[in-house]
Every structure is written in structure tokens, then in C-alpha cells.
C-alpha atoms as a PDB file:
ATOM      1  CA  MET A   1     111.274 137.508  56.564  1.00  0.00           C
ATOM      2  CA  LEU A   2     112.894 140.061  58.852  1.00  0.00           C
ATOM      3  CA  GLU A   3     109.708 142.107  59.052  1.00  0.00           C
ATOM      4  CA  SER A   4     107.716 139.010  60.035  1.00  0.00           C
ATOM      5  CA  LEU A   5     110.285 138.204  62.699  1.00  0.00           C
ATOM      6  CA  ARG A   6     110.155 141.779  64.001  1.00  0.00           C
ATOM      7  CA  ARG A   7     106.340 141.647  64.291  1.00  0.00           C
ATOM      8  CA  TRP A   8     106.474 138.261  66.032  1.00  0.00           C
ATOM      9  CA  ALA A   9     109.025 139.590  68.519  1.00  0.00           C
ATOM     10  CA  GLU A  10     106.871 142.637  69.145  1.00  0.00           C
ATOM     11  CA  ASP A  11     103.833 140.411  69.791  1.00  0.00           C
ATOM     12  CA  GLU A  12     105.803 138.556  72.474  1.00  0.00           C
ATOM     13  CA  LEU A  13     107.322 141.746  73.937  1.00  0.00           C
ATOM     14  CA  ARG A  14     110.858 140.824  72.900  1.00  0.00           C
ATOM     15  CA  SER A  15     113.506 142.522  70.852  1.00  0.00           C
ATOM     16  CA  THR A  16     114.196 141.081  67.421  1.00  0.00           C
ATOM     17  CA  ASN A  17     117.570 139.796  68.643  1.00  0.00           C
ATOM     18  CA  SER A  18     115.940 138.075  71.619  1.00  0.00           C
ATOM     19  CA  GLN A  19     113.375 136.468  69.339  1.00  0.00           C
ATOM     20  CA  ILE A  20     116.156 135.129  67.106  1.00  0.00           C
ATOM     21  CA  GLU A  21     117.916 133.728  70.179  1.00  0.00           C
ATOM     22  CA  VAL A  22     114.709 131.999  71.364  1.00  0.00           C
ATOM     23  CA  LEU A  23     114.193 130.439  67.935  1.00  0.00           C
ATOM     24  CA  LEU A  24     117.809 129.305  67.655  1.00  0.00           C
ATOM     25  CA  LEU A  25     117.771 127.761  71.129  1.00  0.00           C
ATOM     26  CA  LYS A  26     114.537 125.930  70.303  1.00  0.00           C
ATOM     27  CA  ALA A  27     116.028 124.591  67.066  1.00  0.00           C
ATOM     28  CA  LEU A  28     119.196 123.474  68.858  1.00  0.00           C
ATOM     29  CA  LYS A  29     117.154 121.707  71.536  1.00  0.00           C
ATOM     30  CA  GLU A  30     115.020 119.926  68.937  1.00  0.00           C
ATOM     31  CA  ALA A  31     118.183 118.804  67.144  1.00  0.00           C
ATOM     32  CA  GLY A  32     119.756 117.580  70.387  1.00  0.00           C
ATOM     33  CA  ARG A  33     122.509 120.170  70.139  1.00  0.00           C
ATOM     34  CA  GLN A  34     121.592 122.651  72.848  1.00  0.00           C
ATOM     35  CA  PRO A  35     124.534 124.370  74.495  1.00  0.00           C
ATOM     36  CA  LYS A  36     125.643 123.028  77.848  1.00  0.00           C
ATOM     37  CA  ARG A  37     124.641 125.068  80.850  1.00  0.00           C
ATOM     38  CA  LYS A  38     127.453 126.952  82.513  1.00  0.00           C
ATOM     39  CA  ASP A  39     127.295 124.861  85.707  1.00  0.00           C
ATOM     40  CA  GLU A  40     127.463 121.607  83.685  1.00  0.00           C
ATOM     41  CA  SER A  41     130.542 122.645  81.699  1.00  0.00           C
ATOM     42  CA  GLU A  42     132.411 123.847  84.822  1.00  0.00           C
ATOM     43  CA  SER A  43     132.034 120.528  86.663  1.00  0.00           C
ATOM     44  CA  LYS A  44     133.889 118.538  83.997  1.00  0.00           C
END
């Protein structure tokens, strides 16, 4: 799995860590659990 992820990241000109972050953020968004933006959390 890690090798596939590395190749995918390379195809999109990202580091493996950046690719993992992109995938995690997408999954969080799809689940309705994306992190609040910094400016949103500061105003409350």
C-alpha cells in the first residue's frame, strides 16, 4: 500500500506525507468532520 501511495504522490508532484494529508482531508470533508479553518475558530 505504501508503495502505491508513494507512486500516486509522485504522479501528482507531492511528497508522500502531503498525499496522505490530501487524502485524510478529503475523507474528513466527505464525513462532515473537516477541521475548522483558523479564522473560524478564532472568532468564537
